[in-house]
N, C-alpha and C. Protein backbone atom coordinates (compact mmCIF):
# COMPACT_ATOMS: atom_id res chain seq x y z
N MET A 1 14.26 -52.47 -25.22
CA MET A 1 14.88 -52.46 -23.98
C MET A 1 15.60 -51.32 -23.86
N ARG A 2 15.52 -50.55 -22.81
CA ARG A 2 16.30 -49.42 -22.42
C ARG A 2 17.74 -49.73 -21.83
N SER A 3 18.63 -48.83 -22.12
CA SER A 3 19.86 -48.96 -21.47
C SER A 3 19.79 -48.76 -19.95
N LEU A 4 20.97 -49.07 -19.30
CA LEU A 4 20.86 -48.68 -17.96
C LEU A 4 20.73 -47.33 -17.51
N THR A 5 21.42 -46.52 -18.29
CA THR A 5 21.29 -44.91 -18.15
C THR A 5 19.86 -44.55 -18.33
N LYS A 6 19.23 -45.03 -19.34
CA LYS A 6 17.83 -44.46 -19.61
C LYS A 6 16.96 -45.08 -18.52
N LEU A 7 17.25 -46.25 -18.05
CA LEU A 7 16.22 -46.93 -16.82
C LEU A 7 16.51 -45.97 -15.59
N GLN A 8 17.82 -45.56 -15.39
CA GLN A 8 17.97 -44.77 -14.22
C GLN A 8 17.34 -43.26 -14.37
N ALA A 9 17.41 -42.83 -15.60
CA ALA A 9 16.87 -41.58 -15.74
C ALA A 9 15.40 -41.70 -15.69
N PHE A 10 14.68 -42.61 -16.19
CA PHE A 10 13.25 -42.92 -16.05
C PHE A 10 12.91 -43.13 -14.57
N ASP A 11 13.72 -43.95 -13.82
CA ASP A 11 13.41 -44.10 -12.43
C ASP A 11 13.37 -42.83 -11.63
N ALA A 12 14.45 -41.89 -12.02
CA ALA A 12 14.52 -40.65 -11.45
C ALA A 12 13.27 -39.88 -11.69
N LYS A 13 12.71 -39.86 -12.98
CA LYS A 13 11.33 -39.13 -13.22
C LYS A 13 10.26 -39.74 -12.33
N VAL A 14 10.19 -41.11 -12.01
CA VAL A 14 9.21 -41.58 -11.28
C VAL A 14 9.34 -41.16 -9.79
N VAL A 15 10.52 -41.03 -9.27
CA VAL A 15 10.81 -40.55 -7.98
C VAL A 15 10.30 -39.11 -7.78
N MET A 16 10.74 -38.32 -8.81
CA MET A 16 10.32 -36.88 -8.74
C MET A 16 8.78 -36.81 -8.82
N PHE A 17 8.14 -37.57 -9.58
CA PHE A 17 6.54 -37.60 -9.59
C PHE A 17 6.13 -37.89 -8.26
N LEU A 18 6.54 -38.93 -7.57
CA LEU A 18 6.04 -39.33 -6.34
C LEU A 18 6.42 -38.41 -5.26
N ASP A 19 7.30 -37.45 -5.36
CA ASP A 19 7.81 -36.56 -4.37
C ASP A 19 6.61 -35.60 -3.79
N GLY A 20 6.34 -35.76 -2.48
CA GLY A 20 5.26 -35.08 -2.03
C GLY A 20 3.77 -35.50 -2.21
N GLN A 21 3.67 -36.52 -2.79
CA GLN A 21 2.19 -37.01 -3.14
C GLN A 21 1.92 -38.13 -2.13
N GLU A 22 0.57 -38.25 -1.99
CA GLU A 22 -0.02 -39.42 -1.23
C GLU A 22 0.36 -40.68 -2.14
N PRO A 23 0.19 -41.91 -1.61
CA PRO A 23 0.54 -43.20 -2.40
C PRO A 23 -0.27 -43.23 -3.83
N GLN A 24 0.40 -43.61 -4.75
CA GLN A 24 -0.21 -43.52 -6.21
C GLN A 24 -0.26 -45.02 -6.68
N THR A 25 -1.09 -45.19 -7.46
CA THR A 25 -1.18 -46.57 -8.08
C THR A 25 -0.34 -46.57 -9.37
N VAL A 26 -0.20 -47.69 -9.93
CA VAL A 26 0.85 -47.80 -11.21
C VAL A 26 0.14 -47.12 -12.26
N CYS A 27 -1.17 -46.99 -12.38
CA CYS A 27 -1.97 -46.26 -13.46
C CYS A 27 -1.80 -44.82 -13.28
N ASN A 28 -2.04 -44.51 -12.08
CA ASN A 28 -1.70 -42.99 -11.80
C ASN A 28 -0.44 -42.44 -12.21
N VAL A 29 0.64 -43.20 -11.98
CA VAL A 29 2.05 -42.78 -12.24
C VAL A 29 2.08 -42.78 -13.71
N ALA A 30 1.59 -43.87 -14.41
CA ALA A 30 1.61 -43.95 -15.93
C ALA A 30 0.98 -42.71 -16.57
N ILE A 31 -0.28 -42.46 -16.18
CA ILE A 31 -0.91 -41.22 -16.50
C ILE A 31 -0.22 -40.09 -16.31
N GLY A 32 0.29 -39.91 -15.08
CA GLY A 32 0.93 -38.65 -14.73
C GLY A 32 2.20 -38.34 -15.50
N LEU A 33 2.85 -39.45 -15.83
CA LEU A 33 4.10 -39.29 -16.74
C LEU A 33 3.87 -39.38 -18.20
N GLY A 34 2.74 -39.94 -18.47
CA GLY A 34 2.48 -40.00 -19.95
C GLY A 34 3.21 -41.36 -20.56
N VAL A 35 3.40 -42.33 -19.81
CA VAL A 35 4.10 -43.40 -20.25
C VAL A 35 3.29 -44.68 -20.19
N PRO A 36 3.60 -45.75 -20.90
CA PRO A 36 2.83 -47.05 -20.69
C PRO A 36 2.93 -47.57 -19.28
N ALA A 37 1.77 -48.15 -18.78
CA ALA A 37 1.68 -48.79 -17.45
C ALA A 37 2.91 -49.81 -17.15
N GLN A 38 3.10 -50.64 -18.11
CA GLN A 38 4.18 -51.64 -17.92
C GLN A 38 5.59 -51.00 -17.59
N ASP A 39 5.85 -49.74 -18.28
CA ASP A 39 7.12 -49.00 -17.96
C ASP A 39 6.98 -48.50 -16.55
N ALA A 40 6.00 -47.96 -16.16
CA ALA A 40 5.79 -47.47 -14.69
C ALA A 40 5.88 -48.46 -13.68
N ARG A 41 5.26 -49.57 -14.08
CA ARG A 41 5.20 -50.81 -13.13
C ARG A 41 6.71 -51.25 -12.85
N ALA A 42 7.34 -51.40 -14.03
CA ALA A 42 8.69 -51.91 -13.83
C ALA A 42 9.61 -51.00 -13.16
N SER A 43 9.41 -49.80 -13.28
CA SER A 43 10.19 -48.72 -12.52
C SER A 43 9.97 -48.75 -11.11
N LEU A 44 8.59 -48.89 -10.66
CA LEU A 44 8.19 -48.74 -9.46
C LEU A 44 8.67 -50.02 -8.56
N HIS A 45 8.70 -51.24 -9.24
CA HIS A 45 9.22 -52.34 -8.65
C HIS A 45 10.75 -52.39 -8.64
N ARG A 46 11.57 -51.79 -9.50
CA ARG A 46 12.91 -51.64 -9.30
C ARG A 46 13.26 -50.72 -8.19
N LEU A 47 12.54 -49.55 -8.14
CA LEU A 47 12.64 -48.55 -6.94
C LEU A 47 12.28 -49.25 -5.63
N THR A 48 11.22 -50.01 -5.60
CA THR A 48 10.91 -50.80 -4.32
C THR A 48 12.05 -51.79 -3.92
N GLU A 49 12.59 -52.49 -4.89
CA GLU A 49 13.74 -53.38 -4.51
C GLU A 49 14.82 -52.64 -4.11
N SER A 50 15.13 -51.44 -4.57
CA SER A 50 16.20 -50.54 -4.05
C SER A 50 16.04 -49.83 -2.76
N GLY A 51 14.78 -49.73 -2.35
CA GLY A 51 14.32 -49.25 -1.08
C GLY A 51 13.89 -47.89 -1.23
N GLN A 52 14.08 -47.07 -2.33
CA GLN A 52 13.63 -45.84 -2.56
C GLN A 52 12.09 -45.64 -2.62
N VAL A 53 11.36 -46.65 -2.80
CA VAL A 53 9.97 -46.57 -2.88
C VAL A 53 9.36 -47.65 -1.94
N LEU A 54 8.26 -47.49 -1.32
CA LEU A 54 7.52 -48.40 -0.61
C LEU A 54 6.15 -48.78 -1.26
N LYS A 55 5.89 -50.09 -1.31
CA LYS A 55 4.50 -50.53 -1.76
C LYS A 55 3.83 -50.58 -0.52
N VAL A 56 2.54 -49.99 -0.74
CA VAL A 56 1.46 -49.92 0.42
C VAL A 56 0.16 -50.46 -0.21
N VAL A 57 -0.26 -51.41 0.70
CA VAL A 57 -1.72 -51.91 0.43
C VAL A 57 -2.56 -51.67 1.73
N VAL A 58 -3.48 -50.88 1.59
CA VAL A 58 -4.35 -50.67 2.68
C VAL A 58 -5.78 -51.37 2.65
N ASN A 59 -5.97 -52.19 3.67
CA ASN A 59 -7.29 -52.84 3.76
C ASN A 59 -7.53 -53.72 2.49
N GLY A 60 -6.59 -54.47 1.83
CA GLY A 60 -6.90 -55.15 0.70
C GLY A 60 -7.26 -54.43 -0.54
N GLY A 61 -6.88 -53.11 -0.53
CA GLY A 61 -7.14 -52.27 -1.65
C GLY A 61 -5.96 -52.35 -2.74
N PRO A 62 -6.04 -51.55 -3.76
CA PRO A 62 -5.01 -51.72 -4.89
C PRO A 62 -3.56 -51.46 -4.17
N GLU A 63 -2.66 -52.04 -4.84
CA GLU A 63 -1.25 -51.77 -4.32
C GLU A 63 -0.90 -50.25 -4.90
N THR A 64 -0.41 -49.49 -3.96
CA THR A 64 -0.03 -48.11 -4.29
C THR A 64 1.55 -47.95 -3.90
N PHE A 65 2.16 -47.03 -4.26
CA PHE A 65 3.61 -46.69 -3.99
C PHE A 65 3.80 -45.34 -3.63
N ARG A 66 4.69 -45.18 -2.63
CA ARG A 66 5.08 -43.92 -2.00
C ARG A 66 6.66 -43.78 -1.90
N LEU A 67 7.18 -42.58 -1.85
CA LEU A 67 8.65 -42.41 -1.47
C LEU A 67 8.84 -43.06 -0.13
N SER A 68 10.02 -43.70 0.17
CA SER A 68 10.29 -44.26 1.46
C SER A 68 10.74 -43.15 2.34
N ALA A 69 11.21 -42.14 1.85
CA ALA A 69 11.73 -41.01 2.72
C ALA A 69 10.82 -39.91 2.73
N GLY A 70 9.69 -39.97 3.40
CA GLY A 70 8.83 -38.84 3.46
C GLY A 70 7.52 -39.23 2.84
N GLY A 71 6.86 -38.22 2.48
CA GLY A 71 5.28 -38.61 1.91
C GLY A 71 4.44 -38.66 3.11
N PHE A 72 3.41 -39.47 2.80
CA PHE A 72 2.37 -39.75 3.72
C PHE A 72 2.52 -41.27 4.38
N PRO A 73 2.08 -41.49 5.53
CA PRO A 73 2.20 -42.72 6.19
C PRO A 73 1.25 -43.70 5.43
N PRO A 74 1.54 -45.07 5.47
CA PRO A 74 0.64 -46.02 4.78
C PRO A 74 -0.65 -46.05 5.33
N ASP A 75 -0.96 -45.92 6.69
CA ASP A 75 -2.19 -45.90 7.21
C ASP A 75 -2.79 -44.68 7.17
N PRO A 76 -3.92 -44.42 6.47
CA PRO A 76 -4.55 -43.22 6.48
C PRO A 76 -5.03 -42.64 7.72
N LYS A 77 -5.15 -43.46 8.71
CA LYS A 77 -5.58 -43.05 10.11
C LYS A 77 -4.39 -42.42 10.78
N GLY A 78 -3.16 -42.71 10.41
CA GLY A 78 -1.95 -42.30 10.94
C GLY A 78 -1.58 -40.83 10.56
N ALA A 79 -2.35 -40.34 9.75
CA ALA A 79 -2.12 -39.00 9.05
C ALA A 79 -2.72 -37.84 9.88
N ALA A 80 -3.29 -38.28 10.96
CA ALA A 80 -4.17 -37.22 11.79
C ALA A 80 -3.27 -36.30 12.48
């Protein structure tokens, strides 16, 4: 179990990874950061609860996550 400070530092890395990217799956975040998927998932859900990250599901596809302040719209058609 990580301490609160370590969790906050890890969450900050996840936020930095998501910055400027289209919505990412848990696996893409884990691969991008070189961490276990369960750690990435836990961080993404903490960040979703805090409102820093939004969970996006388009047309029944996999759940993806993006920053809530910026990034790409959840609907690919809205990106035109």
